[in-house]
Amino acid sequence: MADPERTCIVTRKALPPKKMIRFVVGPDQQLVPDIKAKLPGRGVWVSNARSMVETAMAKKLFARGLKQGISVPENLPDMVDNMLSSAAIGALGMAKRAGACLTGADNVDKKIRSGRTVMALHATDGAEDGLRKLHQAAYASQMLTGKEVPVYRVWSSDQMNLALGATNVIHAALNDSGAALNCLSAVKRLAKYREMEPS
């Protein structure tokens, strides 16, 4: 059974929780992002977009929604971004350990073209030529299966190296598996927060 929809304090629109970010008040009366939506206490919800968090801050909607005086960290939008990024990087590491993630130009190209890939990643500091090749492989896969392979640019090469325990990682491909789908969901959430579409 799906979770009941929540109302965004900025837009006043009801959305599924997975499309939103929950915020609660910590013991020091400071606002805390609750990206897993599991922390105790009264919470408020904001649509999953950095601009929505910034608007809620500017209009002092968190205090109004929580009906109490609170301290809102000035770097709240960055805090949310870092939490979402960390969650997605963790999911990427899990996919790697489950054997669901490949790196290396030739391996990635072949895997995407096989039609058994749910997502590709390209480092933000990677060359445009490498991105173009990923798009070519993704297009070939779509012609084969009828399904798009999204290509995301959300992390630097250093961040991908750390997540995957490797060096010089510029791009990666995730195969069609449970661990890969979990990673895809986390990366999509991060990209939505950053208001980015696949590359």
N, C-alpha and C. Protein backbone atom coordinates (compact mmCIF):
# COMPACT_ATOMS: atom_id res chain seq x y z
N MET A 1 0.84 -1.19 0.00
CA MET A 1 0.00 0.00 0.00
C MET A 1 0.88 1.25 0.00
N ALA A 2 0.58 2.19 -0.87
CA ALA A 2 1.40 3.40 -0.99
C ALA A 2 1.22 4.30 0.23
N ASP A 3 2.31 5.01 0.57
CA ASP A 3 2.22 5.97 1.68
C ASP A 3 1.27 7.10 1.30
N PRO A 4 0.53 7.63 2.27
CA PRO A 4 -0.36 8.76 1.97
C PRO A 4 0.44 9.96 1.50
N GLU A 5 -0.18 10.76 0.65
CA GLU A 5 0.50 11.94 0.14
C GLU A 5 0.68 12.98 1.23
N ARG A 6 1.70 13.81 1.06
CA ARG A 6 1.97 14.89 2.00
C ARG A 6 1.84 16.22 1.28
N THR A 7 1.59 17.26 2.04
CA THR A 7 1.41 18.59 1.43
C THR A 7 2.68 19.41 1.59
N CYS A 8 3.16 19.94 0.48
CA CYS A 8 4.35 20.79 0.48
C CYS A 8 4.00 22.14 1.11
N ILE A 9 4.84 22.61 2.05
CA ILE A 9 4.56 23.87 2.72
C ILE A 9 4.80 25.07 1.81
N VAL A 10 5.44 24.85 0.67
CA VAL A 10 5.70 25.94 -0.28
C VAL A 10 4.61 26.02 -1.32
N THR A 11 4.35 24.92 -2.01
CA THR A 11 3.40 24.93 -3.12
C THR A 11 1.97 24.62 -2.69
N ARG A 12 1.82 24.01 -1.49
CA ARG A 12 0.53 23.54 -0.97
C ARG A 12 -0.03 22.39 -1.81
N LYS A 13 0.81 21.76 -2.61
CA LYS A 13 0.37 20.62 -3.41
C LYS A 13 0.69 19.32 -2.67
N ALA A 14 -0.19 18.34 -2.82
CA ALA A 14 0.02 17.03 -2.21
C ALA A 14 0.80 16.13 -3.16
N LEU A 15 1.85 15.49 -2.62
CA LEU A 15 2.71 14.63 -3.43
C LEU A 15 3.07 13.37 -2.63
N PRO A 16 3.49 12.32 -3.30
CA PRO A 16 3.98 11.14 -2.58
C PRO A 16 5.26 11.50 -1.80
N PRO A 17 5.46 10.93 -0.63
CA PRO A 17 6.64 11.24 0.17
C PRO A 17 7.96 11.09 -0.58
N LYS A 18 8.03 10.13 -1.50
CA LYS A 18 9.30 9.89 -2.21
C LYS A 18 9.67 11.07 -3.12
N LYS A 19 8.72 11.98 -3.36
CA LYS A 19 9.00 13.16 -4.18
C LYS A 19 9.22 14.41 -3.33
N MET A 20 9.41 14.19 -2.03
CA MET A 20 9.52 15.31 -1.11
C MET A 20 10.67 15.10 -0.13
N ILE A 21 10.98 16.15 0.63
CA ILE A 21 11.95 16.08 1.71
C ILE A 21 11.24 16.45 3.01
N ARG A 22 11.44 15.64 4.04
CA ARG A 22 10.84 15.90 5.35
C ARG A 22 11.85 16.64 6.23
N PHE A 23 11.35 17.54 7.04
CA PHE A 23 12.17 18.28 7.99
C PHE A 23 11.55 18.18 9.37
N VAL A 24 12.39 18.01 10.38
CA VAL A 24 11.92 17.93 11.77
C VAL A 24 12.76 18.87 12.63
N VAL A 25 12.30 19.05 13.86
CA VAL A 25 13.04 19.88 14.81
C VAL A 25 13.87 18.98 15.71
N GLY A 26 15.17 19.27 15.78
CA GLY A 26 16.06 18.51 16.65
C GLY A 26 15.93 18.94 18.10
N PRO A 27 16.62 18.26 19.01
CA PRO A 27 16.51 18.58 20.44
C PRO A 27 17.01 19.98 20.78
N ASP A 28 17.84 20.56 19.91
CA ASP A 28 18.34 21.92 20.16
C ASP A 28 17.51 22.98 19.45
N GLN A 29 16.32 22.58 19.02
CA GLN A 29 15.39 23.47 18.31
C GLN A 29 15.91 23.88 16.94
N GLN A 30 16.88 23.14 16.42
CA GLN A 30 17.39 23.42 15.08
C GLN A 30 16.72 22.51 14.07
N LEU A 31 16.38 23.08 12.91
CA LEU A 31 15.73 22.31 11.86
C LEU A 31 16.71 21.28 11.28
N VAL A 32 16.20 20.07 11.08
CA VAL A 32 17.04 18.96 10.60
C VAL A 32 16.38 18.31 9.38
N PRO A 33 17.12 18.14 8.26
CA PRO A 33 16.57 17.39 7.13
C PRO A 33 16.44 15.91 7.51
N ASP A 34 15.33 15.31 7.15
CA ASP A 34 15.07 13.89 7.45
C ASP A 34 14.83 13.18 6.13
N ILE A 35 15.91 12.93 5.39
CA ILE A 35 15.73 12.42 4.02
C ILE A 35 15.17 11.00 3.98
N LYS A 36 15.31 10.26 5.07
CA LYS A 36 14.74 8.91 5.12
C LYS A 36 13.31 8.92 5.69
N ALA A 37 12.87 10.11 6.15
CA ALA A 37 11.52 10.27 6.71
C ALA A 37 11.24 9.29 7.83
N LYS A 38 12.23 9.12 8.73
CA LYS A 38 12.07 8.17 9.83
C LYS A 38 12.31 8.78 11.21
N LEU A 39 12.75 10.04 11.26
CA LEU A 39 13.02 10.65 12.56
C LEU A 39 11.72 10.92 13.31
N PRO A 40 11.76 10.82 14.64
CA PRO A 40 10.54 11.05 15.43
C PRO A 40 10.18 12.53 15.47
N GLY A 41 8.95 12.79 15.85
CA GLY A 41 8.49 14.16 16.03
C GLY A 41 7.69 14.70 14.87
N ARG A 42 7.12 15.85 15.10
CA ARG A 42 6.33 16.52 14.08
C ARG A 42 7.25 16.96 12.94
N GLY A 43 6.78 16.79 11.73
CA GLY A 43 7.58 17.18 10.58
C GLY A 43 6.79 18.01 9.59
N VAL A 44 7.52 18.66 8.71
CA VAL A 44 6.92 19.35 7.57
C VAL A 44 7.60 18.85 6.31
N TRP A 45 6.91 19.01 5.19
CA TRP A 45 7.38 18.45 3.93
C TRP A 45 7.56 19.56 2.88
N VAL A 46 8.61 19.39 2.07
CA VAL A 46 8.90 20.33 1.00
C VAL A 46 9.16 19.54 -0.27
N SER A 47 8.65 20.01 -1.38
CA SER A 47 8.91 19.34 -2.66
C SER A 47 10.41 19.19 -2.87
N ASN A 48 10.81 18.08 -3.48
CA ASN A 48 12.22 17.74 -3.63
C ASN A 48 12.89 18.61 -4.70
N ALA A 49 13.23 19.83 -4.32
CA ALA A 49 13.94 20.75 -5.20
C ALA A 49 14.64 21.79 -4.34
N ARG A 50 15.88 22.07 -4.68
CA ARG A 50 16.64 23.05 -3.91
C ARG A 50 15.93 24.40 -3.84
N SER A 51 15.33 24.81 -4.96
CA SER A 51 14.65 26.11 -4.99
C SER A 51 13.48 26.15 -4.02
N MET A 52 12.83 25.00 -3.79
CA MET A 52 11.71 24.93 -2.85
C MET A 52 12.21 25.10 -1.41
N VAL A 53 13.34 24.49 -1.08
CA VAL A 53 13.93 24.64 0.25
C VAL A 53 14.34 26.10 0.47
N GLU A 54 14.93 26.71 -0.54
CA GLU A 54 15.34 28.11 -0.43
C GLU A 54 14.13 29.03 -0.24
N THR A 55 13.05 28.74 -0.95
CA THR A 55 11.84 29.54 -0.81
C THR A 55 11.24 29.39 0.59
N ALA A 56 11.22 28.16 1.08
CA ALA A 56 10.69 27.92 2.44
C ALA A 56 11.50 28.68 3.48
N MET A 57 12.79 28.77 3.28
CA MET A 57 13.64 29.53 4.19
C MET A 57 13.34 31.03 4.08
N ALA A 58 13.31 31.52 2.86
CA ALA A 58 13.12 32.97 2.64
C ALA A 58 11.78 33.45 3.19
N LYS A 59 10.75 32.61 3.10
CA LYS A 59 9.42 33.00 3.55
C LYS A 59 9.11 32.55 4.98
N LYS A 60 10.13 31.96 5.63
CA LYS A 60 9.98 31.51 7.02
C LYS A 60 8.82 30.52 7.19
N LEU A 61 8.70 29.63 6.20
CA LEU A 61 7.59 28.67 6.22
C LEU A 61 7.84 27.49 7.14
N PHE A 62 9.09 27.22 7.47
CA PHE A 62 9.36 26.09 8.36
C PHE A 62 8.77 26.35 9.75
N ALA A 63 9.04 27.53 10.31
CA ALA A 63 8.51 27.87 11.63
C ALA A 63 6.99 27.89 11.61
N ARG A 64 6.43 28.43 10.54
CA ARG A 64 4.97 28.50 10.43
C ARG A 64 4.36 27.10 10.37
N GLY A 65 4.98 26.23 9.58
CA GLY A 65 4.45 24.88 9.43
C GLY A 65 4.59 24.04 10.70
N LEU A 66 5.68 24.28 11.43
CA LEU A 66 5.93 23.52 12.65
C LEU A 66 5.28 24.16 13.88
N LYS A 67 4.77 25.39 13.68
CA LYS A 67 4.07 26.11 14.75
C LYS A 67 4.93 26.31 16.00
N GLN A 68 6.20 26.65 15.75
CA GLN A 68 7.09 26.94 16.87
C GLN A 68 8.32 27.69 16.37
N GLY A 69 8.99 28.36 17.29
CA GLY A 69 10.22 29.03 16.94
C GLY A 69 11.34 28.02 16.76
N ILE A 70 12.07 28.13 15.68
CA ILE A 70 13.15 27.19 15.39
C ILE A 70 14.35 27.94 14.82
N SER A 71 15.48 27.27 14.83
CA SER A 71 16.69 27.80 14.21
C SER A 71 16.90 27.06 12.89
N VAL A 72 16.97 27.81 11.80
CA VAL A 72 17.15 27.21 10.48
C VAL A 72 18.60 27.46 10.02
N PRO A 73 19.38 26.41 9.83
CA PRO A 73 20.76 26.60 9.39
C PRO A 73 20.84 27.34 8.05
N GLU A 74 21.77 28.28 7.96
CA GLU A 74 21.92 29.05 6.73
C GLU A 74 22.29 28.16 5.55
N ASN A 75 22.99 27.08 5.83
CA ASN A 75 23.44 26.18 4.77
C ASN A 75 22.50 25.00 4.56
N LEU A 76 21.24 25.16 4.95
CA LEU A 76 20.27 24.05 4.85
C LEU A 76 20.19 23.45 3.45
N PRO A 77 20.11 24.27 2.37
CA PRO A 77 20.05 23.66 1.04
C PRO A 77 21.26 22.77 0.73
N ASP A 78 22.44 23.20 1.18
CA ASP A 78 23.64 22.39 0.98
C ASP A 78 23.61 21.14 1.85
N MET A 79 23.08 21.25 3.04
CA MET A 79 22.96 20.08 3.92
C MET A 79 22.12 18.99 3.26
N VAL A 80 20.99 19.41 2.68
CA VAL A 80 20.12 18.44 2.01
C VAL A 80 20.85 17.81 0.83
N ASP A 81 21.52 18.65 0.03
CA ASP A 81 22.26 18.14 -1.13
C ASP A 81 23.31 17.12 -0.69
N ASN A 82 24.05 17.44 0.35
CA ASN A 82 25.09 16.53 0.82
C ASN A 82 24.51 15.21 1.31
N MET A 83 23.38 15.28 2.00
CA MET A 83 22.74 14.05 2.49
C MET A 83 22.25 13.18 1.34
N LEU A 84 21.61 13.80 0.36
CA LEU A 84 21.11 13.05 -0.79
C LEU A 84 22.27 12.46 -1.59
N SER A 85 23.33 13.25 -1.74
CA SER A 85 24.50 12.77 -2.47
C SER A 85 25.15 11.60 -1.74
N SER A 86 25.28 11.70 -0.42
CA SER A 86 25.88 10.62 0.36
C SER A 86 25.05 9.34 0.26
N ALA A 87 23.72 9.50 0.30
CA ALA A 87 22.84 8.33 0.19
C ALA A 87 23.01 7.66 -1.18
N ALA A 88 23.10 8.47 -2.22
CA ALA A 88 23.25 7.92 -3.57
C ALA A 88 24.62 7.28 -3.76
N ILE A 89 25.66 7.91 -3.20
CA ILE A 89 27.00 7.33 -3.29
C ILE A 89 27.04 5.99 -2.54
N GLY A 90 26.36 5.94 -1.40
CA GLY A 90 26.28 4.68 -0.67
C GLY A 90 25.60 3.60 -1.50
N ALA A 91 24.53 3.97 -2.19
CA ALA A 91 23.82 3.02 -3.05
C ALA A 91 24.69 2.58 -4.22
N LEU A 92 25.52 3.51 -4.74
CA LEU A 92 26.44 3.15 -5.82
C LEU A 92 27.47 2.14 -5.33
N GLY A 93 28.01 2.37 -4.13
CA GLY A 93 28.96 1.42 -3.56
C GLY A 93 28.33 0.04 -3.35
N MET A 94 27.07 0.02 -2.90
CA MET A 94 26.36 -1.25 -2.72
C MET A 94 26.19 -1.98 -4.05
N ALA A 95 25.87 -1.20 -5.10
CA ALA A 95 25.71 -1.80 -6.43
C ALA A 95 27.03 -2.40 -6.91
N LYS A 96 28.13 -1.70 -6.63
CA LYS A 96 29.44 -2.22 -7.01
C LYS A 96 29.73 -3.53 -6.28
N ARG A 97 29.48 -3.56 -4.98
CA ARG A 97 29.74 -4.77 -4.19
C ARG A 97 28.84 -5.92 -4.62
N ALA A 98 27.67 -5.60 -5.14
CA ALA A 98 26.75 -6.64 -5.61
C ALA A 98 27.07 -7.09 -7.03
N GLY A 99 28.13 -6.54 -7.61
CA GLY A 99 28.49 -6.90 -8.98
C GLY A 99 27.59 -6.29 -10.03
N ALA A 100 26.91 -5.19 -9.67
CA ALA A 100 25.94 -4.58 -10.57
C ALA A 100 26.47 -3.33 -11.26
N CYS A 101 27.74 -3.00 -11.04
CA CYS A 101 28.30 -1.78 -11.60
C CYS A 101 29.61 -2.06 -12.31
N LEU A 102 29.71 -1.58 -13.54
CA LEU A 102 30.93 -1.75 -14.33
C LEU A 102 31.58 -0.40 -14.59
N THR A 103 32.90 -0.38 -14.67
CA THR A 103 33.63 0.82 -15.05
C THR A 103 34.59 0.47 -16.18
N GLY A 104 35.22 1.50 -16.73
CA GLY A 104 36.12 1.27 -17.87
C GLY A 104 35.38 1.51 -19.17
N ALA A 105 35.97 2.28 -20.05
CA ALA A 105 35.30 2.73 -21.27
C ALA A 105 34.73 1.57 -22.09
N ASP A 106 35.55 0.56 -22.38
CA ASP A 106 35.09 -0.55 -23.23
C ASP A 106 34.01 -1.36 -22.53
N ASN A 107 34.21 -1.66 -21.23
CA ASN A 107 33.21 -2.43 -20.49
C ASN A 107 31.87 -1.72 -20.44
N VAL A 108 31.91 -0.41 -20.18
CA VAL A 108 30.68 0.37 -20.07
C VAL A 108 29.97 0.42 -21.42
N ASP A 109 30.72 0.66 -22.49
CA ASP A 109 30.12 0.74 -23.82
C ASP A 109 29.42 -0.57 -24.18
N LYS A 110 30.10 -1.69 -23.96
CA LYS A 110 29.53 -2.99 -24.30
C LYS A 110 28.30 -3.29 -23.45
N LYS A 111 28.39 -2.94 -22.17
CA LYS A 111 27.27 -3.24 -21.27
C LYS A 111 26.03 -2.45 -21.67
N ILE A 112 26.20 -1.19 -21.97
CA ILE A 112 25.05 -0.37 -22.37
C ILE A 112 24.44 -0.90 -23.65
N ARG A 113 25.29 -1.20 -24.62
CA ARG A 113 24.80 -1.69 -25.92
C ARG A 113 24.13 -3.05 -25.82
N SER A 114 24.39 -3.79 -24.75
CA SER A 114 23.79 -5.12 -24.59
C SER A 114 22.29 -5.03 -24.29
N GLY A 115 21.84 -3.82 -23.87
CA GLY A 115 20.42 -3.66 -23.54
C GLY A 115 20.09 -4.08 -22.13
N ARG A 116 21.10 -4.32 -21.29
CA ARG A 116 20.85 -4.77 -19.91
C ARG A 116 21.38 -3.76 -18.90
N THR A 117 21.19 -2.49 -19.20
CA THR A 117 21.67 -1.42 -18.32
C THR A 117 20.51 -0.50 -17.94
N VAL A 118 20.45 -0.10 -16.67
CA VAL A 118 19.38 0.79 -16.23
C VAL A 118 19.83 2.24 -16.12
N MET A 119 21.16 2.46 -16.06
CA MET A 119 21.66 3.82 -15.91
C MET A 119 23.14 3.86 -16.21
N ALA A 120 23.57 5.01 -16.74
CA ALA A 120 25.00 5.26 -16.92
C ALA A 120 25.37 6.53 -16.17
N LEU A 121 26.60 6.59 -15.70
CA LEU A 121 27.12 7.75 -15.00
C LEU A 121 28.33 8.29 -15.72
N HIS A 122 28.43 9.62 -15.79
CA HIS A 122 29.59 10.27 -16.40
C HIS A 122 30.07 11.35 -15.44
N ALA A 123 31.35 11.35 -15.12
CA ALA A 123 31.89 12.30 -14.16
C ALA A 123 31.69 13.73 -14.64
N THR A 124 31.43 14.63 -13.70
CA THR A 124 31.21 16.04 -14.06
C THR A 124 32.46 16.66 -14.67
N ASP A 125 33.62 16.11 -14.35
CA ASP A 125 34.86 16.63 -14.93
C ASP A 125 35.37 15.76 -16.07
N GLY A 126 34.52 14.87 -16.57
CA GLY A 126 34.89 14.04 -17.71
C GLY A 126 34.76 14.79 -19.02
N ALA A 127 35.47 14.31 -20.02
CA ALA A 127 35.47 14.97 -21.33
C ALA A 127 34.13 14.83 -22.04
N GLU A 128 33.79 15.85 -22.82
CA GLU A 128 32.53 15.81 -23.57
C GLU A 128 32.50 14.68 -24.58
N ASP A 129 33.67 14.30 -25.11
CA ASP A 129 33.72 13.21 -26.08
C ASP A 129 33.28 11.90 -25.44
N GLY A 130 33.68 11.69 -24.18
CA GLY A 130 33.25 10.50 -23.47
C GLY A 130 31.75 10.48 -23.25
N LEU A 131 31.19 11.65 -22.95
CA LEU A 131 29.74 11.75 -22.78
C LEU A 131 29.02 11.45 -24.08
N ARG A 132 29.57 11.95 -25.17
CA ARG A 132 28.96 11.70 -26.50
C ARG A 132 28.94 10.20 -26.80
N LYS A 133 30.01 9.50 -26.45
CA LYS A 133 30.06 8.06 -26.69
C LYS A 133 29.04 7.31 -25.84
N LEU A 134 28.85 7.78 -24.61
CA LEU A 134 27.83 7.17 -23.76
C LEU A 134 26.45 7.34 -24.37
N HIS A 135 26.19 8.52 -24.89
CA HIS A 135 24.90 8.78 -25.52
C HIS A 135 24.69 7.90 -26.75
N GLN A 136 25.74 7.68 -27.51
CA GLN A 136 25.65 6.81 -28.68
C GLN A 136 25.30 5.38 -28.26
N ALA A 137 25.96 4.90 -27.21
CA ALA A 137 25.68 3.55 -26.71
C ALA A 137 24.26 3.46 -26.17
N ALA A 138 23.82 4.52 -25.44
CA ALA A 138 22.47 4.54 -24.88
C ALA A 138 21.42 4.53 -25.99
N TYR A 139 21.71 5.25 -27.08
CA TYR A 139 20.78 5.27 -28.21
C TYR A 139 20.69 3.89 -28.85
N ALA A 140 21.84 3.22 -29.00
CA ALA A 140 21.85 1.86 -29.58
C ALA A 140 21.04 0.91 -28.69
N SER A 141 21.16 1.07 -27.36
CA SER A 141 20.41 0.23 -26.44
C SER A 141 18.91 0.49 -26.57
N GLN A 142 18.54 1.75 -26.72
CA GLN A 142 17.13 2.09 -26.85
C GLN A 142 16.55 1.50 -28.13
N MET A 143 17.33 1.51 -29.20
CA MET A 143 16.87 0.92 -30.45
C MET A 143 16.67 -0.59 -30.29
N LEU A 144 17.47 -1.20 -29.41
CA LEU A 144 17.39 -2.64 -29.21
C LEU A 144 16.23 -3.03 -28.30
N THR A 145 16.02 -2.25 -27.23
CA THR A 145 15.04 -2.64 -26.21
C THR A 145 13.79 -1.77 -26.15
N GLY A 146 13.87 -0.56 -26.73
CA GLY A 146 12.76 0.38 -26.63
C GLY A 146 12.76 1.15 -25.32
N LYS A 147 13.77 0.93 -24.47
CA LYS A 147 13.86 1.62 -23.19
C LYS A 147 15.05 2.57 -23.17
N GLU A 148 14.82 3.75 -22.59
CA GLU A 148 15.89 4.72 -22.48
C GLU A 148 16.87 4.31 -21.38
N VAL A 149 18.13 4.66 -21.59
CA VAL A 149 19.16 4.50 -20.56
C VAL A 149 19.59 5.90 -20.15
N PRO A 150 19.14 6.39 -19.00
CA PRO A 150 19.51 7.75 -18.60
C PRO A 150 20.99 7.85 -18.27
N VAL A 151 21.57 8.98 -18.63
CA VAL A 151 22.97 9.25 -18.32
C VAL A 151 23.00 10.44 -17.36
N TYR A 152 23.55 10.23 -16.16
CA TYR A 152 23.59 11.29 -15.16
C TYR A 152 25.01 11.78 -14.92
N ARG A 153 25.11 13.09 -14.69
CA ARG A 153 26.38 13.71 -14.29
C ARG A 153 26.16 14.39 -12.95
N VAL A 154 26.39 13.68 -11.87
CA VAL A 154 26.13 14.23 -10.55
C VAL A 154 27.36 14.27 -9.66
N TRP A 155 28.42 13.54 -10.03
CA TRP A 155 29.62 13.48 -9.19
C TRP A 155 30.88 13.70 -10.01
N SER A 156 31.91 14.17 -9.34
CA SER A 156 33.22 14.29 -9.97
C SER A 156 33.87 12.91 -10.05
N SER A 157 34.94 12.84 -10.80
CA SER A 157 35.70 11.59 -10.88
C SER A 157 36.22 11.17 -9.51
N ASP A 158 36.69 12.12 -8.72
CA ASP A 158 37.19 11.79 -7.38
C ASP A 158 36.11 11.17 -6.51
N GLN A 159 34.89 11.71 -6.59
CA GLN A 159 33.79 11.17 -5.80
C GLN A 159 33.43 9.76 -6.26
N MET A 160 33.44 9.53 -7.57
CA MET A 160 33.16 8.19 -8.10
C MET A 160 34.26 7.21 -7.73
N ASN A 161 35.51 7.68 -7.77
CA ASN A 161 36.63 6.83 -7.35
C ASN A 161 36.42 6.34 -5.92
N LEU A 162 36.06 7.27 -5.04
CA LEU A 162 35.88 6.94 -3.63
C LEU A 162 34.74 5.95 -3.44
N ALA A 163 33.63 6.18 -4.13
CA ALA A 163 32.46 5.32 -3.99
C ALA A 163 32.73 3.90 -4.48
N LEU A 164 33.53 3.80 -5.55
CA LEU A 164 33.74 2.52 -6.20
C LEU A 164 35.06 1.85 -5.82
N GLY A 165 35.85 2.54 -5.00
CA GLY A 165 37.13 1.96 -4.60
C GLY A 165 38.05 1.74 -5.77
N ALA A 166 38.07 2.70 -6.68
CA ALA A 166 38.86 2.57 -7.91
C ALA A 166 39.58 3.88 -8.19
N THR A 167 40.29 3.93 -9.28
CA THR A 167 40.97 5.16 -9.69
C THR A 167 40.60 5.51 -11.12
N ASN A 168 40.63 6.78 -11.41
CA ASN A 168 40.37 7.28 -12.77
C ASN A 168 39.02 6.84 -13.33
N VAL A 169 38.00 6.82 -12.47
CA VAL A 169 36.65 6.47 -12.94
C VAL A 169 36.00 7.70 -13.57
N ILE A 170 35.70 7.60 -14.83
CA ILE A 170 35.03 8.70 -15.54
C ILE A 170 33.58 8.34 -15.82
N HIS A 171 33.35 7.08 -16.15
CA HIS A 171 31.96 6.65 -16.37
C HIS A 171 31.75 5.23 -15.86
N ALA A 172 30.48 4.93 -15.64
CA ALA A 172 30.09 3.63 -15.11
C ALA A 172 28.73 3.26 -15.66
N ALA A 173 28.45 1.97 -15.67
CA ALA A 173 27.15 1.46 -16.12
C ALA A 173 26.61 0.52 -15.06
N LEU A 174 25.32 0.61 -14.80
CA LEU A 174 24.68 -0.26 -13.82
C LEU A 174 23.73 -1.20 -14.51
N ASN A 175 23.91 -2.50 -14.24
CA ASN A 175 23.09 -3.49 -14.92
C ASN A 175 21.70 -3.59 -14.30
N ASP A 176 20.86 -4.36 -14.92
CA ASP A 176 19.47 -4.47 -14.51
C ASP A 176 19.37 -5.43 -13.32
N SER A 177 19.44 -4.87 -12.10
CA SER A 177 19.37 -5.68 -10.89
C SER A 177 18.76 -4.84 -9.78
N GLY A 178 18.44 -5.50 -8.68
CA GLY A 178 17.84 -4.78 -7.56
C GLY A 178 18.75 -3.70 -7.01
N ALA A 179 20.03 -4.01 -6.84
CA ALA A 179 20.98 -3.03 -6.29
C ALA A 179 21.12 -1.84 -7.23
N ALA A 180 21.12 -2.12 -8.53
CA ALA A 180 21.24 -1.04 -9.51
C ALA A 180 19.99 -0.16 -9.51
N LEU A 181 18.83 -0.77 -9.37
CA LEU A 181 17.59 0.01 -9.35
C LEU A 181 17.51 0.88 -8.10
N ASN A 182 18.02 0.39 -6.98
CA ASN A 182 18.08 1.21 -5.77
C ASN A 182 18.98 2.41 -5.98
N CYS A 183 20.10 2.19 -6.64
CA CYS A 183 21.03 3.29 -6.94
C CYS A 183 20.39 4.28 -7.90
N LEU A 184 19.71 3.77 -8.91
CA LEU A 184 19.04 4.65 -9.87
C LEU A 184 18.03 5.54 -9.16
N SER A 185 17.27 4.98 -8.24
CA SER A 185 16.28 5.76 -7.50
C SER A 185 16.95 6.87 -6.69
N ALA A 186 18.07 6.54 -6.04
CA ALA A 186 18.79 7.53 -5.23
C ALA A 186 19.41 8.62 -6.09
N VAL A 187 19.95 8.25 -7.24
CA VAL A 187 20.55 9.24 -8.15
C VAL A 187 19.47 10.14 -8.74
N LYS A 188 18.35 9.56 -9.10
CA LYS A 188 17.23 10.36 -9.62
C LYS A 188 16.78 11.39 -8.59
N ARG A 189 16.70 10.97 -7.34
CA ARG A 189 16.28 11.88 -6.28
C ARG A 189 17.26 13.03 -6.12
N LEU A 190 18.55 12.72 -6.17
CA LEU A 190 19.58 13.75 -6.08
C LEU A 190 19.48 14.72 -7.26
N ALA A 191 19.34 14.17 -8.46
CA ALA A 191 19.26 15.01 -9.66
C ALA A 191 18.02 15.90 -9.62
N LYS A 192 16.90 15.35 -9.15
CA LYS A 192 15.67 16.16 -9.03
C LYS A 192 15.87 17.30 -8.06
N TYR A 193 16.54 17.02 -6.94
CA TYR A 193 16.79 18.07 -5.96
C TYR A 193 17.63 19.19 -6.60
N ARG A 194 18.59 18.80 -7.39
CA ARG A 194 19.45 19.77 -8.07
C ARG A 194 18.76 20.37 -9.30
N GLU A 195 17.56 19.90 -9.57
CA GLU A 195 16.76 20.37 -10.70
C GLU A 195 17.50 20.16 -12.01
N MET A 196 18.07 18.96 -12.12
CA MET A 196 18.82 18.54 -13.31
C MET A 196 18.09 17.41 -14.00
N GLU A 197 18.11 17.44 -15.31
CA GLU A 197 17.63 16.32 -16.10
C GLU A 197 18.85 15.44 -16.44
N PRO A 198 18.61 14.18 -16.86
CA PRO A 198 19.75 13.40 -17.34
C PRO A 198 20.50 14.15 -18.43
N SER A 199 21.80 13.93 -18.51
CA SER A 199 22.63 14.65 -19.50
C SER A 199 22.25 14.29 -20.92
